[in-house]
Amino acid sequence: MTFTDWYRGRRALVIGGFGYIGSDVAAALVDAGAQVTIVTGSFVADITRIGAELDWRPTVALVDGLRRTVAASVAESANR
């Protein structure tokens, strides 16, 4: 099984996805077909690189995104 086969259609959480390495990881996961959620520990993140790599712009505030991520994880865990 290849990297692409493994991640296609899966959800992935990238911690530090706005950084140098994390943005490369996030881009590879998106290319593989994963649904990627990016979380950063810095409220002053430079998102210019990830925006350029993925043609992505945030549409949800960080706090709201974290709440949604936790709620989705809890719901998914309850369904197992």
Foldseek 3Di string as FASTA:
>chain_A
DDPLVVAAAAEEEQEQCQDDVNLVVQLVSVVSHHHYDYAYPDPPGDNPVSCVSVVDDDPDRRVVSVVVVVVVVVVVVVVD
